[in-house]
Amino acid sequence: MKSLFTAFCLLIVLSYNNHIWAQESPIYDRAEDQLSNTDTIPDFRSMVNKLKLTGTVYQSDGVTPAKDVIIFIEQPDENGDFDLRKSGDERYVFHRSWVKTGADGKYTFYTFVPGNDRRYNQMSQIFPIIKETSKEEVQLASLLFDSDPLLTKRCRKRLVKKGGEGRILNTTAKDGLLIAEKDIVLSNHSEPIK
């Protein structure tokens, strides 16, 4: 009887944790059938440093485009602050967006260059999550900006040493937009979120 009670308690705890995770993971805030390969982050039009972040997601071979991959991003505003909002009991970052790759593996976000949080010496960063069909979502390393004054030579050396130089986005100006390209190879991302 005691082992049955223990098993029942374990089942309740696991169910509760799965329920919490399903609610907390921002990637499930939008229905998959509402996603396209292009999206615009809230407040894009009113921002000064508008950014077009685009690229292709490839299968692990680095050549074959990956279809139906969801990419979620969230970021601070231009002052480096996260604009946190509430929907019912749930809190979320306002500056966020989702896309889903098509057969060509391409994606585009219309967003803006986030600010530095100088109070905490934080660089400008965009935080991506990726979700392949039938797999757990994966937190990618944050995307940094080559023009960020907080991205010092010392920091760059550390990134190169750890193989993280691919996190740095180089931007070019065109038609009033900064454009950055970031290709993703599915085998090159980190461990699933837990």
C-alpha atoms as a PDB file:
ATOM      1  CA  MET A   1       0.000   0.000   0.000  1.00  0.00           C
ATOM      2  CA  LYS A   2       2.868   2.362   0.846  1.00  0.00           C
ATOM      3  CA  SER A   3       4.526   1.841  -2.573  1.00  0.00           C
ATOM      4  CA  LEU A   4       1.175   2.454  -4.299  1.00  0.00           C
ATOM      5  CA  PHE A   5       0.802   5.731  -2.387  1.00  0.00           C
ATOM      6  CA  THR A   6       4.405   6.707  -3.288  1.00  0.00           C
ATOM      7  CA  ALA A   7       3.784   5.920  -6.968  1.00  0.00           C
ATOM      8  CA  PHE A   8       0.558   7.962  -6.883  1.00  0.00           C
ATOM      9  CA  CYS A   9       2.370  10.936  -5.308  1.00  0.00           C
ATOM     10  CA  LEU A  10       5.158  10.694  -7.895  1.00  0.00           C
ATOM     11  CA  LEU A  11       2.592  10.645 -10.702  1.00  0.00           C
ATOM     12  CA  ILE A  12       0.921  13.782  -9.332  1.00  0.00           C
ATOM     13  CA  VAL A  13       4.263  15.616  -9.042  1.00  0.00           C
ATOM     14  CA  LEU A  14       5.291  14.656 -12.582  1.00  0.00           C
ATOM     15  CA  SER A  15       1.900  15.654 -13.982  1.00  0.00           C
ATOM     16  CA  TYR A  16       2.084  18.977 -12.164  1.00  0.00           C
ATOM     17  CA  ASN A  17       5.599  19.669 -13.477  1.00  0.00           C
ATOM     18  CA  ASN A  18       4.574  18.805 -17.051  1.00  0.00           C
ATOM     19  CA  HIS A  19       1.554  21.088 -16.710  1.00  0.00           C
ATOM     20  CA  ILE A  20       3.732  23.936 -15.447  1.00  0.00           C
ATOM     21  CA  TRP A  21       6.256  23.425 -18.245  1.00  0.00           C
ATOM     22  CA  ALA A  22       3.573  23.426 -20.933  1.00  0.00           C
ATOM     23  CA  GLN A  23       2.312  26.759 -19.592  1.00  0.00           C
ATOM     24  CA  GLU A  24       5.707  28.381 -19.042  1.00  0.00           C
ATOM     25  CA  SER A  25       7.305  27.546 -22.367  1.00  0.00           C
ATOM     26  CA  PRO A  26       6.688  30.578 -24.585  1.00  0.00           C
ATOM     27  CA  ILE A  27       6.952  28.563 -27.752  1.00  0.00           C
ATOM     28  CA  TYR A  28       3.428  27.231 -27.199  1.00  0.00           C
ATOM     29  CA  ASP A  29       1.771  30.655 -26.850  1.00  0.00           C
ATOM     30  CA  ARG A  30       0.737  30.630 -30.519  1.00  0.00           C
ATOM     31  CA  ALA A  31      -0.940  27.926 -32.537  1.00  0.00           C
ATOM     32  CA  GLU A  32       1.446  26.353 -35.013  1.00  0.00           C
ATOM     33  CA  ASP A  33      -0.992  26.829 -37.911  1.00  0.00           C
ATOM     34  CA  GLN A  34      -0.849  30.620 -37.325  1.00  0.00           C
ATOM     35  CA  LEU A  35       2.899  30.779 -37.963  1.00  0.00           C
ATOM     36  CA  SER A  36       4.603  31.714 -41.223  1.00  0.00           C
ATOM     37  CA  ASN A  37       8.269  32.085 -42.114  1.00  0.00           C
ATOM     38  CA  THR A  38       8.128  35.861 -41.488  1.00  0.00           C
ATOM     39  CA  ASP A  39       6.956  37.800 -38.434  1.00  0.00           C
ATOM     40  CA  THR A  40       7.279  41.269 -36.930  1.00  0.00           C
ATOM     41  CA  ILE A  41       8.061  41.892 -33.285  1.00  0.00           C
ATOM     42  CA  PRO A  42       5.785  44.332 -31.375  1.00  0.00           C
ATOM     43  CA  ASP A  43       6.801  48.020 -31.591  1.00  0.00           C
ATOM     44  CA  PHE A  44       8.998  47.387 -34.653  1.00  0.00           C
ATOM     45  CA  ARG A  45       7.741  50.454 -36.526  1.00  0.00           C
ATOM     46  CA  SER A  46       8.426  52.868 -33.644  1.00  0.00           C
ATOM     47  CA  MET A  47      11.994  51.715 -32.987  1.00  0.00           C
ATOM     48  CA  VAL A  48      15.090  53.615 -34.106  1.00  0.00           C
ATOM     49  CA  ASN A  49      17.415  50.699 -34.996  1.00  0.00           C
ATOM     50  CA  LYS A  50      15.089  48.516 -37.046  1.00  0.00           C
ATOM     51  CA  LEU A  51      16.569  45.098 -37.807  1.00  0.00           C
ATOM     52  CA  LYS A  52      15.756  42.441 -40.373  1.00  0.00           C
ATOM     53  CA  LEU A  53      17.105  39.159 -38.963  1.00  0.00           C
ATOM     54  CA  THR A  54      17.006  36.504 -41.640  1.00  0.00           C
ATOM     55  CA  GLY A  55      18.579  33.172 -42.462  1.00  0.00           C
ATOM     56  CA  THR A  56      18.104  29.538 -43.321  1.00  0.00           C
ATOM     57  CA  VAL A  57      17.721  26.559 -41.007  1.00  0.00           C
ATOM     58  CA  TYR A  58      19.542  23.474 -42.266  1.00  0.00           C
ATOM     59  CA  GLN A  59      19.361  19.816 -41.334  1.00  0.00           C
ATOM     60  CA  SER A  60      22.408  18.380 -39.557  1.00  0.00           C
ATOM     61  CA  ASP A  61      24.198  17.891 -42.899  1.00  0.00           C
ATOM     62  CA  GLY A  62      24.467  21.693 -43.212  1.00  0.00           C
ATOM     63  CA  VAL A  63      23.078  21.583 -46.766  1.00  0.00           C
ATOM     64  CA  THR A  64      19.455  20.368 -46.716  1.00  0.00           C
ATOM     65  CA  PRO A  65      16.920  23.071 -45.725  1.00  0.00           C
ATOM     66  CA  ALA A  66      14.887  22.159 -42.618  1.00  0.00           C
ATOM     67  CA  LYS A  67      11.120  22.496 -43.054  1.00  0.00           C
ATOM     68  CA  ASP A  68       8.584  23.233 -40.274  1.00  0.00           C
ATOM     69  CA  VAL A  69      11.121  24.340 -37.667  1.00  0.00           C
ATOM     70  CA  ILE A  70       9.747  26.903 -35.207  1.00  0.00           C
ATOM     71  CA  ILE A  71      12.050  29.707 -34.092  1.00  0.00           C
ATOM     72  CA  PHE A  72      11.022  31.864 -31.141  1.00  0.00           C
ATOM     73  CA  ILE A  73      12.884  35.001 -30.095  1.00  0.00           C
ATOM     74  CA  GLU A  74      12.528  37.389 -27.177  1.00  0.00           C
ATOM     75  CA  GLN A  75      14.565  40.433 -26.319  1.00  0.00           C
ATOM     76  CA  PRO A  76      14.796  43.579 -24.205  1.00  0.00           C
ATOM     77  CA  ASP A  77      13.671  46.958 -25.541  1.00  0.00           C
ATOM     78  CA  GLU A  78      16.007  49.643 -26.912  1.00  0.00           C
ATOM     79  CA  ASN A  79      16.900  50.700 -23.354  1.00  0.00           C
ATOM     80  CA  GLY A  80      18.015  47.161 -22.418  1.00  0.00           C
ATOM     81  CA  ASP A  81      14.944  46.538 -20.242  1.00  0.00           C
ATOM     82  CA  PHE A  82      12.605  43.577 -20.608  1.00  0.00           C
ATOM     83  CA  ASP A  83       9.030  44.802 -21.043  1.00  0.00           C
ATOM     84  CA  LEU A  84       7.194  42.211 -18.943  1.00  0.00           C
ATOM     85  CA  ARG A  85       3.437  41.899 -19.421  1.00  0.00           C
ATOM     86  CA  LYS A  86       0.733  39.777 -17.844  1.00  0.00           C
ATOM     87  CA  SER A  87      -2.023  37.707 -19.409  1.00  0.00           C
ATOM     88  CA  GLY A  88      -4.152  36.222 -16.647  1.00  0.00           C
ATOM     89  CA  ASP A  89      -1.650  34.628 -14.270  1.00  0.00           C
ATOM     90  CA  GLU A  90       1.043  34.269 -16.926  1.00  0.00           C
ATOM     91  CA  ARG A  91       3.908  36.755 -17.362  1.00  0.00           C
ATOM     92  CA  TYR A  92       5.667  37.131 -20.686  1.00  0.00           C
ATOM     93  CA  VAL A  93       8.221  39.294 -22.484  1.00  0.00           C
ATOM     94  CA  PHE A  94       6.391  41.721 -24.772  1.00  0.00           C
ATOM     95  CA  HIS A  95       9.109  41.928 -27.422  1.00  0.00           C
ATOM     96  CA  ARG A  96       8.900  38.400 -28.776  1.00  0.00           C
ATOM     97  CA  SER A  97       8.023  36.684 -32.005  1.00  0.00           C
ATOM     98  CA  TRP A  98       7.653  33.290 -33.678  1.00  0.00           C
ATOM     99  CA  VAL A  99       8.278  31.968 -37.182  1.00  0.00           C
ATOM    100  CA  LYS A 100       8.056  28.560 -38.828  1.00  0.00           C
ATOM    101  CA  THR A 101      10.321  27.658 -41.726  1.00  0.00           C
ATOM    102  CA  GLY A 102       8.913  26.644 -45.086  1.00  0.00           C
ATOM    103  CA  ALA A 103      10.275  24.009 -47.446  1.00  0.00           C
ATOM    104  CA  ASP A 104      13.265  26.265 -48.222  1.00  0.00           C
ATOM    105  CA  GLY A 105      14.203  26.494 -44.510  1.00  0.00           C
ATOM    106  CA  LYS A 106      14.167  30.298 -44.636  1.00  0.00           C
ATOM    107  CA  TYR A 107      12.962  32.615 -41.870  1.00  0.00           C
ATOM    108  CA  THR A 108      12.772  36.380 -41.287  1.00  0.00           C
ATOM    109  CA  PHE A 109      12.131  38.466 -38.182  1.00  0.00           C
ATOM    110  CA  TYR A 110      11.480  42.190 -38.403  1.00  0.00           C
ATOM    111  CA  THR A 111      12.702  43.381 -35.033  1.00  0.00           C
ATOM    112  CA  PHE A 112      15.130  45.964 -33.635  1.00  0.00           C
ATOM    113  CA  VAL A 113      18.558  46.046 -32.068  1.00  0.00           C
ATOM    114  CA  PRO A 114      17.989  45.700 -28.307  1.00  0.00           C
ATOM    115  CA  GLY A 115      19.753  48.064 -25.933  1.00  0.00           C
ATOM    116  CA  ASN A 116      22.462  47.290 -23.418  1.00  0.00           C
ATOM    117  CA  ASP A 117      21.546  47.036 -19.786  1.00  0.00           C
ATOM    118  CA  ARG A 118      24.483  49.063 -18.532  1.00  0.00           C
ATOM    119  CA  ARG A 119      23.374  48.688 -14.896  1.00  0.00           C
ATOM    120  CA  TYR A 120      24.362  45.027 -15.086  1.00  0.00           C
ATOM    121  CA  ASN A 121      26.966  45.391 -17.860  1.00  0.00           C
ATOM    122  CA  GLN A 122      24.838  43.268 -20.222  1.00  0.00           C
ATOM    123  CA  MET A 123      25.470  43.254 -23.954  1.00  0.00           C
ATOM    124  CA  SER A 124      22.708  43.711 -26.521  1.00  0.00           C
ATOM    125  CA  GLN A 125      21.216  40.251 -26.964  1.00  0.00           C
ATOM    126  CA  ILE A 126      18.405  38.388 -28.683  1.00  0.00           C
ATOM    127  CA  PHE A 127      17.400  35.095 -27.060  1.00  0.00           C
ATOM    128  CA  PRO A 128      16.309  32.363 -29.507  1.00  0.00           C
ATOM    129  CA  ILE A 129      14.601  29.018 -28.930  1.00  0.00           C
ATOM    130  CA  ILE A 130      14.250  26.442 -31.683  1.00  0.00           C
ATOM    131  CA  LYS A 131      11.704  23.617 -31.970  1.00  0.00           C
ATOM    132  CA  GLU A 132      11.913  20.807 -34.483  1.00  0.00           C
ATOM    133  CA  THR A 133       8.891  18.641 -35.221  1.00  0.00           C
ATOM    134  CA  SER A 134       8.529  15.815 -32.661  1.00  0.00           C
ATOM    135  CA  LYS A 135      11.494  17.044 -30.614  1.00  0.00           C
ATOM    136  CA  GLU A 136      11.905  19.133 -27.471  1.00  0.00           C
ATOM    137  CA  GLU A 137      12.605  22.831 -27.837  1.00  0.00           C
ATOM    138  CA  VAL A 138      16.226  23.925 -27.528  1.00  0.00           C
ATOM    139  CA  GLN A 139      17.609  27.197 -26.182  1.00  0.00           C
ATOM    140  CA  LEU A 140      20.237  28.529 -28.578  1.00  0.00           C
ATOM    141  CA  ALA A 141      23.083  30.735 -27.413  1.00  0.00           C
ATOM    142  CA  SER A 142      22.015  34.372 -27.333  1.00  0.00           C
ATOM    143  CA  LEU A 143      22.750  36.418 -30.433  1.00  0.00           C
ATOM    144  CA  LEU A 144      25.170  39.310 -29.941  1.00  0.00           C
ATOM    145  CA  PHE A 145      25.969  42.337 -32.105  1.00  0.00           C
ATOM    146  CA  ASP A 146      29.365  43.085 -33.628  1.00  0.00           C
ATOM    147  CA  SER A 147      28.820  46.836 -33.124  1.00  0.00           C
ATOM    148  CA  ASP A 148      28.113  46.483 -29.388  1.00  0.00           C
ATOM    149  CA  PRO A 149      30.705  48.493 -27.406  1.00  0.00           C
ATOM    150  CA  LEU A 150      30.433  45.982 -24.555  1.00  0.00           C
ATOM    151  CA  LEU A 151      31.635  43.207 -26.881  1.00  0.00           C
ATOM    152  CA  THR A 152      35.292  43.843 -26.103  1.00  0.00           C
ATOM    153  CA  LYS A 153      38.369  42.231 -27.678  1.00  0.00           C
ATOM    154  CA  ARG A 154      38.743  40.098 -24.563  1.00  0.00           C
ATOM    155  CA  CYS A 155      35.150  38.916 -24.798  1.00  0.00           C
ATOM    156  CA  ARG A 156      35.538  38.147 -28.508  1.00  0.00           C
ATOM    157  CA  LYS A 157      38.651  36.065 -27.777  1.00  0.00           C
ATOM    158  CA  ARG A 158      36.712  34.057 -25.203  1.00  0.00           C
ATOM    159  CA  LEU A 159      33.883  33.488 -27.688  1.00  0.00           C
ATOM    160  CA  VAL A 160      36.311  32.320 -30.379  1.00  0.00           C
ATOM    161  CA  LYS A 161      38.001  29.989 -27.881  1.00  0.00           C
ATOM    162  CA  LYS A 162      34.629  28.426 -27.024  1.00  0.00           C
ATOM    163  CA  GLY A 163      33.515  28.274 -30.674  1.00  0.00           C
ATOM    164  CA  GLY A 164      30.856  30.936 -30.120  1.00  0.00           C
ATOM    165  CA  GLU A 165      31.908  33.487 -32.729  1.00  0.00           C
ATOM    166  CA  GLY A 166      28.866  32.408 -34.802  1.00  0.00           C
ATOM    167  CA  ARG A 167      26.686  34.138 -32.190  1.00  0.00           C
ATOM    168  CA  ILE A 168      27.884  37.559 -33.309  1.00  0.00           C
ATOM    169  CA  LEU A 169      25.621  39.270 -35.841  1.00  0.00           C
ATOM    170  CA  ASN A 170      27.180  41.633 -38.359  1.00  0.00           C
ATOM    171  CA  THR A 171      24.710  44.186 -39.647  1.00  0.00           C
ATOM    172  CA  THR A 172      24.597  46.133 -42.887  1.00  0.00           C
ATOM    173  CA  ALA A 173      22.346  49.097 -43.566  1.00  0.00           C
ATOM    174  CA  LYS A 174      19.937  48.939 -46.505  1.00  0.00           C
ATOM    175  CA  ASP A 175      16.728  50.892 -47.179  1.00  0.00           C
ATOM    176  CA  GLY A 176      16.471  52.214 -43.612  1.00  0.00           C
ATOM    177  CA  LEU A 177      16.983  48.768 -42.052  1.00  0.00           C
ATOM    178  CA  LEU A 178      19.901  47.007 -40.469  1.00  0.00           C
ATOM    179  CA  ILE A 179      20.146  43.529 -41.955  1.00  0.00           C
ATOM    180  CA  ALA A 180      21.730  40.540 -40.219  1.00  0.00           C
ATOM    181  CA  GLU A 181      21.915  36.976 -41.503  1.00  0.00           C
ATOM    182  CA  LYS A 182      22.030  33.996 -39.161  1.00  0.00           C
ATOM    183  CA  ASP A 183      21.934  30.482 -40.579  1.00  0.00           C
ATOM    184  CA  ILE A 184      21.273  27.635 -38.171  1.00  0.00           C
ATOM    185  CA  VAL A 185      22.455  24.041 -38.541  1.00  0.00           C
ATOM    186  CA  LEU A 186      20.276  21.821 -36.386  1.00  0.00           C
ATOM    187  CA  SER A 187      23.121  19.720 -35.062  1.00  0.00           C
ATOM    188  CA  ASN A 188      24.923  22.834 -33.789  1.00  0.00           C
ATOM    189  CA  HIS A 189      22.514  23.865 -31.061  1.00  0.00           C
ATOM    190  CA  SER A 190      22.642  23.250 -27.353  1.00  0.00           C
ATOM    191  CA  GLU A 191      20.839  20.800 -25.098  1.00  0.00           C
ATOM    192  CA  PRO A 192      17.037  20.718 -24.757  1.00  0.00           C
ATOM    193  CA  ILE A 193      15.488  23.077 -22.224  1.00  0.00           C
ATOM    194  CA  LYS A 194      14.712  21.365 -18.930  1.00  0.00           C
END
